[in-house]
Amino acid sequence: MSVLVYLVPIALGLGLTGLFAFLWSLRAGQYDDLDGAALRILEDDDLRDSNHA
């Protein structure tokens, strides 16, 4: 039972750290362009660049 004295604050601290990191990433604009990376992977820029070399 005394182990809960240590585990509960550690769990709360980790949860608050994760929440802080998520809120920071929202404010930093990490989720602004969700479709850009998905469409960017389909482009063949590397193939076009190697043909011109």
PDB file of N, CA and C in Angstrom:
ATOM      1  N   MET A   1       0.817  -1.191   0.000  1.00  0.00           N
ATOM      2  CA  MET A   1       0.000   0.000   0.000  1.00  0.00           C
ATOM      3  C   MET A   1       0.865   1.261   0.000  1.00  0.00           C
ATOM      4  N   SER A   2       2.030   1.188   0.594  1.00  0.00           N
ATOM      5  CA  SER A   2       2.883   2.377   0.646  1.00  0.00           C
ATOM      6  C   SER A   2       3.508   2.692  -0.710  1.00  0.00           C
ATOM      7  N   VAL A   3       3.489   1.713  -1.625  1.00  0.00           N
ATOM      8  CA  VAL A   3       4.042   1.969  -2.950  1.00  0.00           C
ATOM      9  C   VAL A   3       3.149   2.934  -3.726  1.00  0.00           C
ATOM     10  N   LEU A   4       1.853   3.002  -3.376  1.00  0.00           N
ATOM     11  CA  LEU A   4       0.953   3.941  -4.031  1.00  0.00           C
ATOM     12  C   LEU A   4       1.330   5.390  -3.747  1.00  0.00           C
ATOM     13  N   VAL A   5       1.975   5.626  -2.634  1.00  0.00           N
ATOM     14  CA  VAL A   5       2.421   6.973  -2.301  1.00  0.00           C
ATOM     15  C   VAL A   5       3.422   7.462  -3.343  1.00  0.00           C
ATOM     16  N   TYR A   6       4.168   6.549  -3.938  1.00  0.00           N
ATOM     17  CA  TYR A   6       5.147   6.908  -4.965  1.00  0.00           C
ATOM     18  C   TYR A   6       4.559   6.829  -6.374  1.00  0.00           C
ATOM     19  N   LEU A   7       3.736   5.815  -6.623  1.00  0.00           N
ATOM     20  CA  LEU A   7       3.246   5.598  -7.976  1.00  0.00           C
ATOM     21  C   LEU A   7       2.200   6.616  -8.430  1.00  0.00           C
ATOM     22  N   VAL A   8       1.331   7.046  -7.549  1.00  0.00           N
ATOM     23  CA  VAL A   8       0.286   7.997  -7.928  1.00  0.00           C
ATOM     24  C   VAL A   8       0.877   9.346  -8.336  1.00  0.00           C
ATOM     25  N   PRO A   9       1.794   9.930  -7.574  1.00  0.00           N
ATOM     26  CA  PRO A   9       2.383  11.196  -8.039  1.00  0.00           C
ATOM     27  C   PRO A   9       3.208  11.048  -9.322  1.00  0.00           C
ATOM     28  N   ILE A  10       3.868   9.912  -9.495  1.00  0.00           N
ATOM     29  CA  ILE A  10       4.630   9.688 -10.730  1.00  0.00           C
ATOM     30  C   ILE A  10       3.673   9.599 -11.917  1.00  0.00           C
ATOM     31  N   ALA A  11       2.559   8.885 -11.750  1.00  0.00           N
ATOM     32  CA  ALA A  11       1.581   8.764 -12.828  1.00  0.00           C
ATOM     33  C   ALA A  11       0.952  10.120 -13.151  1.00  0.00           C
ATOM     34  N   LEU A  12       0.630  10.898 -12.149  1.00  0.00           N
ATOM     35  CA  LEU A  12       0.075  12.220 -12.384  1.00  0.00           C
ATOM     36  C   LEU A  12       1.093  13.129 -13.073  1.00  0.00           C
ATOM     37  N   GLY A  13       2.337  13.035 -12.663  1.00  0.00           N
ATOM     38  CA  GLY A  13       3.381  13.843 -13.292  1.00  0.00           C
ATOM     39  C   GLY A  13       3.583  13.485 -14.753  1.00  0.00           C
ATOM     40  N   LEU A  14       3.583  12.188 -15.070  1.00  0.00           N
ATOM     41  CA  LEU A  14       3.725  11.772 -16.461  1.00  0.00           C
ATOM     42  C   LEU A  14       2.517  12.196 -17.298  1.00  0.00           C
ATOM     43  N   GLY A  15       1.340  12.096 -16.724  1.00  0.00           N
ATOM     44  CA  GLY A  15       0.139  12.527 -17.442  1.00  0.00           C
ATOM     45  C   GLY A  15       0.142  14.016 -17.715  1.00  0.00           C
ATOM     46  N   LEU A  16       0.534  14.805 -16.735  1.00  0.00           N
ATOM     47  CA  LEU A  16       0.607  16.248 -16.926  1.00  0.00           C
ATOM     48  C   LEU A  16       1.702  16.630 -17.914  1.00  0.00           C
ATOM     49  N   THR A  17       2.797  15.888 -17.917  1.00  0.00           N
ATOM     50  CA  THR A  17       3.869  16.138 -18.887  1.00  0.00           C
ATOM     51  C   THR A  17       3.382  15.867 -20.306  1.00  0.00           C
ATOM     52  N   GLY A  18       2.648  14.778 -20.493  1.00  0.00           N
ATOM     53  CA  GLY A  18       2.094  14.467 -21.808  1.00  0.00           C
ATOM     54  C   GLY A  18       1.077  15.506 -22.253  1.00  0.00           C
ATOM     55  N   LEU A  19       0.242  15.949 -21.339  1.00  0.00           N
ATOM     56  CA  LEU A  19      -0.738  16.984 -21.657  1.00  0.00           C
ATOM     57  C   LEU A  19      -0.048  18.288 -22.033  1.00  0.00           C
ATOM     58  N   PHE A  20       0.985  18.657 -21.294  1.00  0.00           N
ATOM     59  CA  PHE A  20       1.744  19.870 -21.604  1.00  0.00           C
ATOM     60  C   PHE A  20       2.403  19.768 -22.974  1.00  0.00           C
ATOM     61  N   ALA A  21       2.974  18.619 -23.296  1.00  0.00           N
ATOM     62  CA  ALA A  21       3.622  18.440 -24.593  1.00  0.00           C
ATOM     63  C   ALA A  21       2.592  18.520 -25.728  1.00  0.00           C
ATOM     64  N   PHE A  22       1.419  17.965 -25.530  1.00  0.00           N
ATOM     65  CA  PHE A  22       0.373  18.032 -26.547  1.00  0.00           C
ATOM     66  C   PHE A  22      -0.100  19.465 -26.750  1.00  0.00           C
ATOM     67  N   LEU A  23      -0.334  20.196 -25.666  1.00  0.00           N
ATOM     68  CA  LEU A  23      -0.775  21.583 -25.787  1.00  0.00           C
ATOM     69  C   LEU A  23       0.300  22.454 -26.422  1.00  0.00           C
ATOM     70  N   TRP A  24       1.547  22.195 -26.099  1.00  0.00           N
ATOM     71  CA  TRP A  24       2.648  22.937 -26.716  1.00  0.00           C
ATOM     72  C   TRP A  24       2.708  22.683 -28.220  1.00  0.00           C
ATOM     73  N   SER A  25       2.498  21.431 -28.626  1.00  0.00           N
ATOM     74  CA  SER A  25       2.534  21.125 -30.055  1.00  0.00           C
ATOM     75  C   SER A  25       1.342  21.752 -30.779  1.00  0.00           C
ATOM     76  N   LEU A  26       0.203  21.877 -30.123  1.00  0.00           N
ATOM     77  CA  LEU A  26      -0.937  22.560 -30.730  1.00  0.00           C
ATOM     78  C   LEU A  26      -0.626  24.029 -30.968  1.00  0.00           C
ATOM     79  N   ARG A  27      -0.047  24.675 -29.974  1.00  0.00           N
ATOM     80  CA  ARG A  27       0.278  26.098 -30.093  1.00  0.00           C
ATOM     81  C   ARG A  27       1.411  26.345 -31.067  1.00  0.00           C
ATOM     82  N   ALA A  28       2.284  25.375 -31.256  1.00  0.00           N
ATOM     83  CA  ALA A  28       3.404  25.525 -32.184  1.00  0.00           C
ATOM     84  C   ALA A  28       2.980  25.283 -33.622  1.00  0.00           C
ATOM     85  N   GLY A  29       1.745  24.832 -33.842  1.00  0.00           N
ATOM     86  CA  GLY A  29       1.244  24.649 -35.192  1.00  0.00           C
ATOM     87  C   GLY A  29       1.614  23.323 -35.823  1.00  0.00           C
ATOM     88  N   GLN A  30       1.859  22.307 -35.031  1.00  0.00           N
ATOM     89  CA  GLN A  30       2.242  21.013 -35.579  1.00  0.00           C
ATOM     90  C   GLN A  30       1.104  20.324 -36.315  1.00  0.00           C
ATOM     91  N   TYR A  31      -0.131  20.688 -36.029  1.00  0.00           N
ATOM     92  CA  TYR A  31      -1.282  20.019 -36.627  1.00  0.00           C
ATOM     93  C   TYR A  31      -2.015  20.918 -37.620  1.00  0.00           C
ATOM     94  N   ASP A  32      -1.366  21.961 -38.117  1.00  0.00           N
ATOM     95  CA  ASP A  32      -2.023  22.886 -39.024  1.00  0.00           C
ATOM     96  C   ASP A  32      -2.257  22.285 -40.404  1.00  0.00           C
ATOM     97  N   ASP A  33      -1.284  21.589 -40.956  1.00  0.00           N
ATOM     98  CA  ASP A  33      -1.382  21.064 -42.311  1.00  0.00           C
ATOM     99  C   ASP A  33      -1.302  19.539 -42.279  1.00  0.00           C
ATOM    100  N   LEU A  34      -2.439  18.895 -42.071  1.00  0.00           N
ATOM    101  CA  LEU A  34      -2.457  17.440 -41.966  1.00  0.00           C
ATOM    102  C   LEU A  34      -2.381  16.763 -43.322  1.00  0.00           C
ATOM    103  N   ASP A  35      -2.863  17.407 -44.375  1.00  0.00           N
ATOM    104  CA  ASP A  35      -2.869  16.790 -45.697  1.00  0.00           C
ATOM    105  C   ASP A  35      -1.572  17.031 -46.461  1.00  0.00           C
ATOM    106  N   GLY A  36      -0.799  18.015 -46.069  1.00  0.00           N
ATOM    107  CA  GLY A  36       0.409  18.347 -46.810  1.00  0.00           C
ATOM    108  C   GLY A  36       1.433  17.228 -46.827  1.00  0.00           C
ATOM    109  N   ALA A  37       1.703  16.635 -45.699  1.00  0.00           N
ATOM    110  CA  ALA A  37       2.691  15.558 -45.645  1.00  0.00           C
ATOM    111  C   ALA A  37       2.188  14.309 -46.360  1.00  0.00           C
ATOM    112  N   ALA A  38       0.895  14.066 -46.304  1.00  0.00           N
ATOM    113  CA  ALA A  38       0.341  12.885 -46.974  1.00  0.00           C
ATOM    114  C   ALA A  38       0.440  13.025 -48.486  1.00  0.00           C
ATOM    115  N   LEU A  39       0.279  14.230 -48.996  1.00  0.00           N
ATOM    116  CA  LEU A  39       0.377  14.439 -50.436  1.00  0.00           C
ATOM    117  C   LEU A  39       1.820  14.607 -50.891  1.00  0.00           C
ATOM    118  N   ARG A  40       2.665  15.125 -50.032  1.00  0.00           N
ATOM    119  CA  ARG A  40       4.059  15.360 -50.375  1.00  0.00           C
ATOM    120  C   ARG A  40       4.815  14.049 -50.608  1.00  0.00           C
ATOM    121  N   ILE A  41       4.420  12.989 -49.943  1.00  0.00           N
ATOM    122  CA  ILE A  41       5.111  11.707 -50.097  1.00  0.00           C
ATOM    123  C   ILE A  41       4.835  11.112 -51.475  1.00  0.00           C
ATOM    124  N   LEU A  42       3.753  11.538 -52.122  1.00  0.00           N
ATOM    125  CA  LEU A  42       3.397  10.993 -53.429  1.00  0.00           C
ATOM    126  C   LEU A  42       4.135  11.672 -54.581  1.00  0.00           C
ATOM    127  N   GLU A  43       4.757  12.809 -54.340  1.00  0.00           N
ATOM    128  CA  GLU A  43       5.464  13.529 -55.388  1.00  0.00           C
ATOM    129  C   GLU A  43       6.772  12.829 -55.731  1.00  0.00           C
ATOM    130  N   ASP A  44       7.174  12.927 -56.992  1.00  0.00           N
ATOM    131  CA  ASP A  44       8.397  12.279 -57.462  1.00  0.00           C
ATOM    132  C   ASP A  44       9.504  13.293 -57.705  1.00  0.00           C
ATOM    133  N   ASP A  45       9.753  14.172 -56.757  1.00  0.00           N
ATOM    134  CA  ASP A  45      10.789  15.189 -56.929  1.00  0.00           C
ATOM    135  C   ASP A  45      12.165  14.578 -57.081  1.00  0.00           C
ATOM    136  N   ASP A  46      12.466  13.520 -56.348  1.00  0.00           N
ATOM    137  CA  ASP A  46      13.795  12.925 -56.418  1.00  0.00           C
ATOM    138  C   ASP A  46      14.039  12.269 -57.780  1.00  0.00           C
ATOM    139  N   LEU A  47      13.003  11.739 -58.407  1.00  0.00           N
ATOM    140  CA  LEU A  47      13.168  11.145 -59.727  1.00  0.00           C
ATOM    141  C   LEU A  47      13.413  12.216 -60.798  1.00  0.00           C
ATOM    142  N   ARG A  48      12.714  13.328 -60.711  1.00  0.00           N
ATOM    143  CA  ARG A  48      12.911  14.412 -61.662  1.00  0.00           C
ATOM    144  C   ARG A  48      14.297  15.023 -61.518  1.00  0.00           C
ATOM    145  N   ASP A  49      14.785  15.168 -60.297  1.00  0.00           N
ATOM    146  CA  ASP A  49      16.098  15.766 -60.065  1.00  0.00           C
ATOM    147  C   ASP A  49      17.216  14.863 -60.582  1.00  0.00           C
ATOM    148  N   SER A  50      17.080  13.554 -60.464  1.00  0.00           N
ATOM    149  CA  SER A  50      18.149  12.656 -60.902  1.00  0.00           C
ATOM    150  C   SER A  50      18.222  12.563 -62.426  1.00  0.00           C
ATOM    151  N   ASN A  51      17.112  12.780 -63.121  1.00  0.00           N
ATOM    152  CA  ASN A  51      17.120  12.732 -64.588  1.00  0.00           C
ATOM    153  C   ASN A  51      17.826  13.939 -65.198  1.00  0.00           C
ATOM    154  N   HIS A  52      17.821  15.068 -64.511  1.00  0.00           N
ATOM    155  CA  HIS A  52      18.435  16.293 -65.023  1.00  0.00           C
ATOM    156  C   HIS A  52      19.906  16.363 -64.699  1.00  0.00           C
ATOM    157  N   ALA A  53      20.429  15.486 -63.895  1.00  0.00           N
ATOM    158  CA  ALA A  53      21.820  15.575 -63.468  1.00  0.00           C
ATOM    159  C   ALA A  53      22.775  15.055 -64.514  1.00  0.00           C
TER     160      ALA A  53
END
